[in-house]
Amino acid sequence: MTVEAALTLVSVMVVVGLVLAGLATAAARIAVIDAAGAAARAAAAGRQLPSGGARITITETGARITAVATMNAPLNAVSATAVVICEPEGQ
């Protein structure tokens, strides 16, 4: 194997690794968006919901419930925020 072939092989492996890490980060982003939305809806209904691997913070301000979900991904940490406005009771 020549030096050029060895460098080409290493370069291809690095590019494939970065592509896979990017795909895993995109999948984590989708999962964290779903987790934030589900947590906000569950909090509005008064239920607990498993986090599914994401760290979830629920904040209630008046009729507004905010859920922030954060998850570590291969390239960086990803987070998403979901807000639910609760209807007044008896409506």
PDB file of N, CA and C in Angstrom:
ATOM      1  N   MET A   1       0.865  -1.176   0.000  1.00  0.00           N
ATOM      2  CA  MET A   1       0.000   0.000   0.000  1.00  0.00           C
ATOM      3  C   MET A   1       0.901   1.225   0.000  1.00  0.00           C
ATOM      4  N   THR A   2       0.552   2.145  -0.866  1.00  0.00           N
ATOM      5  CA  THR A   2       1.343   3.371  -0.945  1.00  0.00           C
ATOM      6  C   THR A   2       0.861   4.373   0.089  1.00  0.00           C
ATOM      7  N   VAL A   3       1.650   5.402   0.270  1.00  0.00           N
ATOM      8  CA  VAL A   3       1.291   6.456   1.223  1.00  0.00           C
ATOM      9  C   VAL A   3       0.018   7.158   0.766  1.00  0.00           C
ATOM     10  N   GLU A   4      -0.119   7.372  -0.527  1.00  0.00           N
ATOM     11  CA  GLU A   4      -1.321   8.044  -1.048  1.00  0.00           C
ATOM     12  C   GLU A   4      -2.576   7.218  -0.774  1.00  0.00           C
ATOM     13  N   ALA A   5      -2.488   5.921  -0.951  1.00  0.00           N
ATOM     14  CA  ALA A   5      -3.637   5.060  -0.688  1.00  0.00           C
ATOM     15  C   ALA A   5      -3.985   5.043   0.797  1.00  0.00           C
ATOM     16  N   ALA A   6      -2.964   5.031   1.639  1.00  0.00           N
ATOM     17  CA  ALA A   6      -3.210   5.046   3.084  1.00  0.00           C
ATOM     18  C   ALA A   6      -3.878   6.348   3.503  1.00  0.00           C
ATOM     19  N   LEU A   7      -3.412   7.474   2.977  1.00  0.00           N
ATOM     20  CA  LEU A   7      -4.024   8.767   3.308  1.00  0.00           C
ATOM     21  C   LEU A   7      -5.458   8.856   2.779  1.00  0.00           C
ATOM     22  N   THR A   8      -5.685   8.308   1.597  1.00  0.00           N
ATOM     23  CA  THR A   8      -7.039   8.305   1.030  1.00  0.00           C
ATOM     24  C   THR A   8      -7.976   7.470   1.897  1.00  0.00           C
ATOM     25  N   LEU A   9      -7.515   6.309   2.324  1.00  0.00           N
ATOM     26  CA  LEU A   9      -8.333   5.438   3.162  1.00  0.00           C
ATOM     27  C   LEU A   9      -8.678   6.110   4.487  1.00  0.00           C
ATOM     28  N   VAL A  10      -7.702   6.740   5.111  1.00  0.00           N
ATOM     29  CA  VAL A  10      -7.945   7.440   6.374  1.00  0.00           C
ATOM     30  C   VAL A  10      -8.907   8.600   6.157  1.00  0.00           C
ATOM     31  N   SER A  11      -8.738   9.344   5.087  1.00  0.00           N
ATOM     32  CA  SER A  11      -9.631  10.475   4.793  1.00  0.00           C
ATOM     33  C   SER A  11     -11.071  10.023   4.586  1.00  0.00           C
ATOM     34  N   VAL A  12     -11.238   8.921   3.865  1.00  0.00           N
ATOM     35  CA  VAL A  12     -12.587   8.394   3.641  1.00  0.00           C
ATOM     36  C   VAL A  12     -13.208   7.956   4.956  1.00  0.00           C
ATOM     37  N   MET A  13     -12.420   7.324   5.817  1.00  0.00           N
ATOM     38  CA  MET A  13     -12.949   6.885   7.112  1.00  0.00           C
ATOM     39  C   MET A  13     -13.349   8.082   7.982  1.00  0.00           C
ATOM     40  N   VAL A  14     -12.580   9.150   7.942  1.00  0.00           N
ATOM     41  CA  VAL A  14     -12.922  10.347   8.717  1.00  0.00           C
ATOM     42  C   VAL A  14     -14.219  10.957   8.198  1.00  0.00           C
ATOM     43  N   VAL A  15     -14.360  11.046   6.889  1.00  0.00           N
ATOM     44  CA  VAL A  15     -15.582  11.619   6.307  1.00  0.00           C
ATOM     45  C   VAL A  15     -16.793  10.760   6.658  1.00  0.00           C
ATOM     46  N   VAL A  16     -16.671   9.451   6.561  1.00  0.00           N
ATOM     47  CA  VAL A  16     -17.783   8.555   6.915  1.00  0.00           C
ATOM     48  C   VAL A  16     -18.145   8.714   8.397  1.00  0.00           C
ATOM     49  N   GLY A  17     -17.134   8.815   9.251  1.00  0.00           N
ATOM     50  CA  GLY A  17     -17.391   9.025  10.678  1.00  0.00           C
ATOM     51  C   GLY A  17     -18.123  10.329  10.951  1.00  0.00           C
ATOM     52  N   LEU A  18     -17.726  11.401  10.263  1.00  0.00           N
ATOM     53  CA  LEU A  18     -18.402  12.691  10.452  1.00  0.00           C
ATOM     54  C   LEU A  18     -19.839  12.656   9.938  1.00  0.00           C
ATOM     55  N   VAL A  19     -20.063  11.967   8.824  1.00  0.00           N
ATOM     56  CA  VAL A  19     -21.431  11.838   8.298  1.00  0.00           C
ATOM     57  C   VAL A  19     -22.305  11.071   9.283  1.00  0.00           C
ATOM     58  N   LEU A  20     -21.775   9.973   9.826  1.00  0.00           N
ATOM     59  CA  LEU A  20     -22.553   9.199  10.801  1.00  0.00           C
ATOM     60  C   LEU A  20     -22.820  10.004  12.072  1.00  0.00           C
ATOM     61  N   ALA A  21     -21.848  10.767  12.529  1.00  0.00           N
ATOM     62  CA  ALA A  21     -22.056  11.609  13.709  1.00  0.00           C
ATOM     63  C   ALA A  21     -23.105  12.682  13.427  1.00  0.00           C
ATOM     64  N   GLY A  22     -23.097  13.227  12.221  1.00  0.00           N
ATOM     65  CA  GLY A  22     -24.111  14.216  11.846  1.00  0.00           C
ATOM     66  C   GLY A  22     -25.505  13.622  11.817  1.00  0.00           C
ATOM     67  N   LEU A  23     -25.617  12.408  11.287  1.00  0.00           N
ATOM     68  CA  LEU A  23     -26.921  11.734  11.265  1.00  0.00           C
ATOM     69  C   LEU A  23     -27.409  11.420  12.676  1.00  0.00           C
ATOM     70  N   ALA A  24     -26.508  10.996  13.549  1.00  0.00           N
ATOM     71  CA  ALA A  24     -26.897  10.715  14.930  1.00  0.00           C
ATOM     72  C   ALA A  24     -27.317  11.993  15.652  1.00  0.00           C
ATOM     73  N   THR A  25     -26.657  13.100  15.361  1.00  0.00           N
ATOM     74  CA  THR A  25     -27.037  14.374  15.968  1.00  0.00           C
ATOM     75  C   THR A  25     -28.403  14.825  15.456  1.00  0.00           C
ATOM     76  N   ALA A  26     -28.663  14.633  14.174  1.00  0.00           N
ATOM     77  CA  ALA A  26     -29.983  14.984  13.628  1.00  0.00           C
ATOM     78  C   ALA A  26     -31.072  14.115  14.253  1.00  0.00           C
ATOM     79  N   ALA A  27     -30.800  12.834  14.450  1.00  0.00           N
ATOM     80  CA  ALA A  27     -31.779  11.956  15.091  1.00  0.00           C
ATOM     81  C   ALA A  27     -32.023  12.373  16.538  1.00  0.00           C
ATOM     82  N   ALA A  28     -30.976  12.785  17.236  1.00  0.00           N
ATOM     83  CA  ALA A  28     -31.132  13.271  18.612  1.00  0.00           C
ATOM     84  C   ALA A  28     -31.961  14.542  18.635  1.00  0.00           C
ATOM     85  N   ARG A  29     -31.787  15.413  17.652  1.00  0.00           N
ATOM     86  CA  ARG A  29     -32.572  16.655  17.575  1.00  0.00           C
ATOM     87  C   ARG A  29     -34.061  16.335  17.412  1.00  0.00           C
ATOM     88  N   ILE A  30     -34.372  15.385  16.555  1.00  0.00           N
ATOM     89  CA  ILE A  30     -35.771  14.990  16.363  1.00  0.00           C
ATOM     90  C   ILE A  30     -36.340  14.395  17.648  1.00  0.00           C
ATOM     91  N   ALA A  31     -35.556  13.558  18.315  1.00  0.00           N
ATOM     92  CA  ALA A  31     -36.016  12.936  19.561  1.00  0.00           C
ATOM     93  C   ALA A  31     -36.248  13.970  20.649  1.00  0.00           C
ATOM     94  N   VAL A  32     -35.390  14.980  20.733  1.00  0.00           N
ATOM     95  CA  VAL A  32     -35.533  15.981  21.784  1.00  0.00           C
ATOM     96  C   VAL A  32     -36.731  16.901  21.501  1.00  0.00           C
ATOM     97  N   ILE A  33     -37.029  17.152  20.242  1.00  0.00           N
ATOM     98  CA  ILE A  33     -38.225  17.939  19.903  1.00  0.00           C
ATOM     99  C   ILE A  33     -39.480  17.171  20.325  1.00  0.00           C
ATOM    100  N   ASP A  34     -39.520  15.880  20.025  1.00  0.00           N
ATOM    101  CA  ASP A  34     -40.658  15.052  20.441  1.00  0.00           C
ATOM    102  C   ASP A  34     -40.786  14.978  21.955  1.00  0.00           C
ATOM    103  N   ALA A  35     -39.648  14.843  22.647  1.00  0.00           N
ATOM    104  CA  ALA A  35     -39.671  14.749  24.112  1.00  0.00           C
ATOM    105  C   ALA A  35     -40.177  16.034  24.750  1.00  0.00           C
ATOM    106  N   ALA A  36     -39.766  17.180  24.228  1.00  0.00           N
ATOM    107  CA  ALA A  36     -40.220  18.455  24.785  1.00  0.00           C
ATOM    108  C   ALA A  36     -41.725  18.634  24.587  1.00  0.00           C
ATOM    109  N   GLY A  37     -42.211  18.318  23.406  1.00  0.00           N
ATOM    110  CA  GLY A  37     -43.642  18.452  23.144  1.00  0.00           C
ATOM    111  C   GLY A  37     -44.477  17.516  23.991  1.00  0.00           C
ATOM    112  N   ALA A  38     -44.037  16.271  24.096  1.00  0.00           N
ATOM    113  CA  ALA A  38     -44.777  15.302  24.902  1.00  0.00           C
ATOM    114  C   ALA A  38     -44.742  15.674  26.378  1.00  0.00           C
ATOM    115  N   ALA A  39     -43.612  16.171  26.858  1.00  0.00           N
ATOM    116  CA  ALA A  39     -43.517  16.573  28.270  1.00  0.00           C
ATOM    117  C   ALA A  39     -44.414  17.762  28.566  1.00  0.00           C
ATOM    118  N   ALA A  40     -44.487  18.722  27.654  1.00  0.00           N
ATOM    119  CA  ALA A  40     -45.355  19.888  27.862  1.00  0.00           C
ATOM    120  C   ALA A  40     -46.823  19.472  27.884  1.00  0.00           C
ATOM    121  N   ARG A  41     -47.206  18.596  26.950  1.00  0.00           N
ATOM    122  CA  ARG A  41     -48.596  18.128  26.931  1.00  0.00           C
ATOM    123  C   ARG A  41     -48.928  17.325  28.180  1.00  0.00           C
ATOM    124  N   ALA A  42     -48.001  16.472  28.613  1.00  0.00           N
ATOM    125  CA  ALA A  42     -48.243  15.658  29.811  1.00  0.00           C
ATOM    126  C   ALA A  42     -48.349  16.533  31.048  1.00  0.00           C
ATOM    127  N   ALA A  43     -47.506  17.546  31.153  1.00  0.00           N
ATOM    128  CA  ALA A  43     -47.572  18.448  32.303  1.00  0.00           C
ATOM    129  C   ALA A  43     -48.891  19.221  32.313  1.00  0.00           C
ATOM    130  N   ALA A  44     -49.379  19.603  31.137  1.00  0.00           N
ATOM    131  CA  ALA A  44     -50.657  20.308  31.061  1.00  0.00           C
ATOM    132  C   ALA A  44     -51.809  19.411  31.488  1.00  0.00           C
ATOM    133  N   ALA A  45     -51.681  18.110  31.247  1.00  0.00           N
ATOM    134  CA  ALA A  45     -52.724  17.160  31.635  1.00  0.00           C
ATOM    135  C   ALA A  45     -52.529  16.657  33.055  1.00  0.00           C
ATOM    136  N   GLY A  46     -51.427  17.069  33.710  1.00  0.00           N
ATOM    137  CA  GLY A  46     -51.176  16.659  35.082  1.00  0.00           C
ATOM    138  C   GLY A  46     -50.573  15.276  35.212  1.00  0.00           C
ATOM    139  N   ARG A  47     -49.922  14.799  34.151  1.00  0.00           N
ATOM    140  CA  ARG A  47     -49.324  13.467  34.179  1.00  0.00           C
ATOM    141  C   ARG A  47     -47.802  13.576  34.145  1.00  0.00           C
ATOM    142  N   GLN A  48     -47.138  12.520  34.606  1.00  0.00           N
ATOM    143  CA  GLN A  48     -45.687  12.397  34.483  1.00  0.00           C
ATOM    144  C   GLN A  48     -45.389  11.613  33.212  1.00  0.00           C
ATOM    145  N   LEU A  49     -44.314  11.955  32.542  1.00  0.00           N
ATOM    146  CA  LEU A  49     -43.946  11.274  31.317  1.00  0.00           C
ATOM    147  C   LEU A  49     -42.471  10.891  31.394  1.00  0.00           C
ATOM    148  N   PRO A  50     -42.114   9.652  31.036  1.00  0.00           N
ATOM    149  CA  PRO A  50     -40.694   9.297  31.038  1.00  0.00           C
ATOM    150  C   PRO A  50     -39.922  10.163  30.043  1.00  0.00           C
ATOM    151  N   SER A  51     -38.699  10.514  30.386  1.00  0.00           N
ATOM    152  CA  SER A  51     -37.937  11.464  29.571  1.00  0.00           C
ATOM    153  C   SER A  51     -37.351  10.855  28.308  1.00  0.00           C
ATOM    154  N   GLY A  52     -37.165   9.550  28.265  1.00  0.00           N
ATOM    155  CA  GLY A  52     -36.614   8.925  27.073  1.00  0.00           C
ATOM    156  C   GLY A  52     -35.157   9.274  26.848  1.00  0.00           C
ATOM    157  N   GLY A  53     -34.406   9.544  27.892  1.00  0.00           N
ATOM    158  CA  GLY A  53     -32.989   9.860  27.769  1.00  0.00           C
ATOM    159  C   GLY A  53     -32.680  11.342  27.747  1.00  0.00           C
ATOM    160  N   ALA A  54     -33.681  12.181  27.656  1.00  0.00           N
ATOM    161  CA  ALA A  54     -33.460  13.633  27.639  1.00  0.00           C
ATOM    162  C   ALA A  54     -33.648  14.211  29.042  1.00  0.00           C
ATOM    163  N   ARG A  55     -32.910  15.267  29.336  1.00  0.00           N
ATOM    164  CA  ARG A  55     -33.131  16.016  30.582  1.00  0.00           C
ATOM    165  C   ARG A  55     -34.242  17.026  30.302  1.00  0.00           C
ATOM    166  N   ILE A  56     -35.303  16.959  31.101  1.00  0.00           N
ATOM    167  CA  ILE A  56     -36.467  17.810  30.861  1.00  0.00           C
ATOM    168  C   ILE A  56     -36.687  18.714  32.057  1.00  0.00           C
ATOM    169  N   THR A  57     -36.884  19.992  31.776  1.00  0.00           N
ATOM    170  CA  THR A  57     -37.199  20.978  32.797  1.00  0.00           C
ATOM    171  C   THR A  57     -38.570  21.567  32.483  1.00  0.00           C
ATOM    172  N   ILE A  58     -39.477  21.494  33.462  1.00  0.00           N
ATOM    173  CA  ILE A  58     -40.835  22.032  33.292  1.00  0.00           C
ATOM    174  C   ILE A  58     -40.945  23.307  34.117  1.00  0.00           C
ATOM    175  N   THR A  59     -41.453  24.369  33.499  1.00  0.00           N
ATOM    176  CA  THR A  59     -41.680  25.634  34.184  1.00  0.00           C
ATOM    177  C   THR A  59     -43.132  26.043  33.958  1.00  0.00           C
ATOM    178  N   GLU A  60     -43.828  26.369  35.055  1.00  0.00           N
ATOM    179  CA  GLU A  60     -45.215  26.827  34.954  1.00  0.00           C
ATOM    180  C   GLU A  60     -45.283  28.290  35.353  1.00  0.00           C
ATOM    181  N   THR A  61     -45.820  29.116  34.464  1.00  0.00           N
ATOM    182  CA  THR A  61     -46.015  30.528  34.731  1.00  0.00           C
ATOM    183  C   THR A  61     -47.459  30.869  34.380  1.00  0.00           C
ATOM    184  N   GLY A  62     -48.300  30.976  35.384  1.00  0.00           N
ATOM    185  CA  GLY A  62     -49.712  31.214  35.130  1.00  0.00           C
ATOM    186  C   GLY A  62     -50.305  30.055  34.359  1.00  0.00           C
ATOM    187  N   ALA A  63     -50.890  30.351  33.209  1.00  0.00           N
ATOM    188  CA  ALA A  63     -51.501  29.312  32.380  1.00  0.00           C
ATOM    189  C   ALA A  63     -50.512  28.737  31.369  1.00  0.00           C
ATOM    190  N   ARG A  64     -49.283  29.233  31.366  1.00  0.00           N
ATOM    191  CA  ARG A  64     -48.278  28.792  30.395  1.00  0.00           C
ATOM    192  C   ARG A  64     -47.362  27.742  31.016  1.00  0.00           C
ATOM    193  N   ILE A  65     -47.213  26.612  30.329  1.00  0.00           N
ATOM    194  CA  ILE A  65     -46.291  25.565  30.743  1.00  0.00           C
ATOM    195  C   ILE A  65     -45.211  25.455  29.673  1.00  0.00           C
ATOM    196  N   THR A  66     -43.963  25.560  30.107  1.00  0.00           N
ATOM    197  CA  THR A  66     -42.832  25.483  29.195  1.00  0.00           C
ATOM    198  C   THR A  66     -41.998  24.255  29.539  1.00  0.00           C
ATOM    199  N   ALA A  67     -41.712  23.448  28.548  1.00  0.00           N
ATOM    200  CA  ALA A  67     -40.855  22.278  28.726  1.00  0.00           C
ATOM    201  C   ALA A  67     -39.605  22.461  27.876  1.00  0.00           C
ATOM    202  N   VAL A  68     -38.450  22.323  28.516  1.00  0.00           N
ATOM    203  CA  VAL A  68     -37.176  22.395  27.806  1.00  0.00           C
ATOM    204  C   VAL A  68     -36.507  21.033  27.927  1.00  0.00           C
ATOM    205  N   ALA A  69     -36.224  20.419  26.797  1.00  0.00           N
ATOM    206  CA  ALA A  69     -35.570  19.104  26.772  1.00  0.00           C
ATOM    207  C   ALA A  69     -34.170  19.270  26.192  1.00  0.00           C
ATOM    208  N   THR A  70     -33.193  18.638  26.845  1.00  0.00           N
ATOM    209  CA  THR A  70     -31.802  18.703  26.404  1.00  0.00           C
ATOM    210  C   THR A  70     -31.232  17.292  26.362  1.00  0.00           C
ATOM    211  N   MET A  71     -30.446  17.013  25.334  1.00  0.00           N
ATOM    212  CA  MET A  71     -29.837  15.687  25.181  1.00  0.00           C
ATOM    213  C   MET A  71     -28.440  15.854  24.591  1.00  0.00           C
ATOM    214  N   ASN A  72     -27.510  15.057  25.068  1.00  0.00           N
ATOM    215  CA  ASN A  72     -26.171  15.063  24.485  1.00  0.00           C
ATOM    216  C   ASN A  72     -26.184  14.252  23.199  1.00  0.00           C
ATOM    217  N   ALA A  73     -25.556  14.806  22.169  1.00  0.00           N
ATOM    218  CA  ALA A  73     -25.449  14.140  20.881  1.00  0.00           C
ATOM    219  C   ALA A  73     -23.964  14.033  20.522  1.00  0.00           C
ATOM    220  N   PRO A  74     -23.621  13.248  19.509  1.00  0.00           N
ATOM    221  CA  PRO A  74     -22.205  13.069  19.173  1.00  0.00           C
ATOM    222  C   PRO A  74     -21.462  14.367  18.836  1.00  0.00           C
ATOM    223  N   LEU A  75     -22.093  15.299  18.162  1.00  0.00           N
ATOM    224  CA  LEU A  75     -21.395  16.524  17.777  1.00  0.00           C
ATOM    225  C   LEU A  75     -21.578  17.663  18.769  1.00  0.00           C
ATOM    226  N   ASN A  76     -22.731  17.755  19.416  1.00  0.00           N
ATOM    227  CA  ASN A  76     -22.977  18.794  20.415  1.00  0.00           C
ATOM    228  C   ASN A  76     -24.258  18.458  21.174  1.00  0.00           C
ATOM    229  N   ALA A  77     -24.539  19.233  22.198  1.00  0.00           N
ATOM    230  CA  ALA A  77     -25.790  19.047  22.936  1.00  0.00           C
ATOM    231  C   ALA A  77     -26.915  19.717  22.141  1.00  0.00           C
ATOM    232  N   VAL A  78     -28.047  19.052  22.076  1.00  0.00           N
ATOM    233  CA  VAL A  78     -29.203  19.614  21.375  1.00  0.00           C
ATOM    234  C   VAL A  78     -30.320  19.844  22.384  1.00  0.00           C
ATOM    235  N   SER A  79     -31.115  20.873  22.137  1.00  0.00           N
ATOM    236  CA  SER A  79     -32.232  21.159  23.031  1.00  0.00           C
ATOM    237  C   SER A  79     -33.413  21.673  22.224  1.00  0.00           C
ATOM    238  N   ALA A  80     -34.580  21.569  22.835  1.00  0.00           N
ATOM    239  CA  ALA A  80     -35.809  22.050  22.214  1.00  0.00           C
ATOM    240  C   ALA A  80     -36.730  22.545  23.314  1.00  0.00           C
ATOM    241  N   THR A  81     -37.565  23.503  22.968  1.00  0.00           N
ATOM    242  CA  THR A  81     -38.514  24.088  23.906  1.00  0.00           C
ATOM    243  C   THR A  81     -39.921  23.944  23.341  1.00  0.00           C
ATOM    244  N   ALA A  82     -40.854  23.564  24.205  1.00  0.00           N
ATOM    245  CA  ALA A  82     -42.261  23.474  23.817  1.00  0.00           C
ATOM    246  C   ALA A  82     -43.075  24.243  24.846  1.00  0.00           C
ATOM    247  N   VAL A  83     -44.075  24.978  24.376  1.00  0.00           N
ATOM    248  CA  VAL A  83     -44.922  25.781  25.251  1.00  0.00           C
ATOM    249  C   VAL A  83     -46.375  25.382  25.021  1.00  0.00           C
ATOM    250  N   VAL A  84     -47.082  25.187  26.132  1.00  0.00           N
ATOM    251  CA  VAL A  84     -48.505  24.846  26.093  1.00  0.00           C
ATOM    252  C   VAL A  84     -49.243  25.866  26.935  1.00  0.00           C
ATOM    253  N   ILE A  85     -50.329  26.393  26.405  1.00  0.00           N
ATOM    254  CA  ILE A  85     -51.198  27.296  27.176  1.00  0.00           C
ATOM    255  C   ILE A  85     -52.382  26.486  27.659  1.00  0.00           C
ATOM    256  N   CYS A  86     -52.547  26.431  28.967  1.00  0.00           N
ATOM    257  CA  CYS A  86     -53.650  25.654  29.550  1.00  0.00           C
ATOM    258  C   CYS A  86     -54.943  26.447  29.468  1.00  0.00           C
ATOM    259  N   GLU A  87     -56.006  25.734  29.184  1.00  0.00           N
ATOM    260  CA  GLU A  87     -57.318  26.369  29.175  1.00  0.00           C
ATOM    261  C   GLU A  87     -57.802  26.514  30.612  1.00  0.00           C
ATOM    262  N   PRO A  88     -58.583  27.560  30.889  1.00  0.00           N
ATOM    263  CA  PRO A  88     -59.144  27.691  32.239  1.00  0.00           C
ATOM    264  C   PRO A  88     -60.066  26.512  32.532  1.00  0.00           C
ATOM    265  N   GLU A  89     -60.061  26.085  33.780  1.00  0.00           N
ATOM    266  CA  GLU A  89     -60.919  24.956  34.150  1.00  0.00           C
ATOM    267  C   GLU A  89     -62.381  25.344  34.063  1.00  0.00           C
ATOM    268  N   GLY A  90     -63.187  24.368  33.678  1.00  0.00           N
ATOM    269  CA  GLY A  90     -64.623  24.606  33.574  1.00  0.00           C
ATOM    270  C   GLY A  90     -65.033  25.131  32.212  1.00  0.00           C
ATOM    271  N   GLN A  91     -64.136  25.186  31.276  1.00  0.00           N
ATOM    272  CA  GLN A  91     -64.453  25.701  29.935  1.00  0.00           C
ATOM    273  C   GLN A  91     -64.619  24.567  28.972  1.00  0.00           C
TER     274      GLN A  91
END
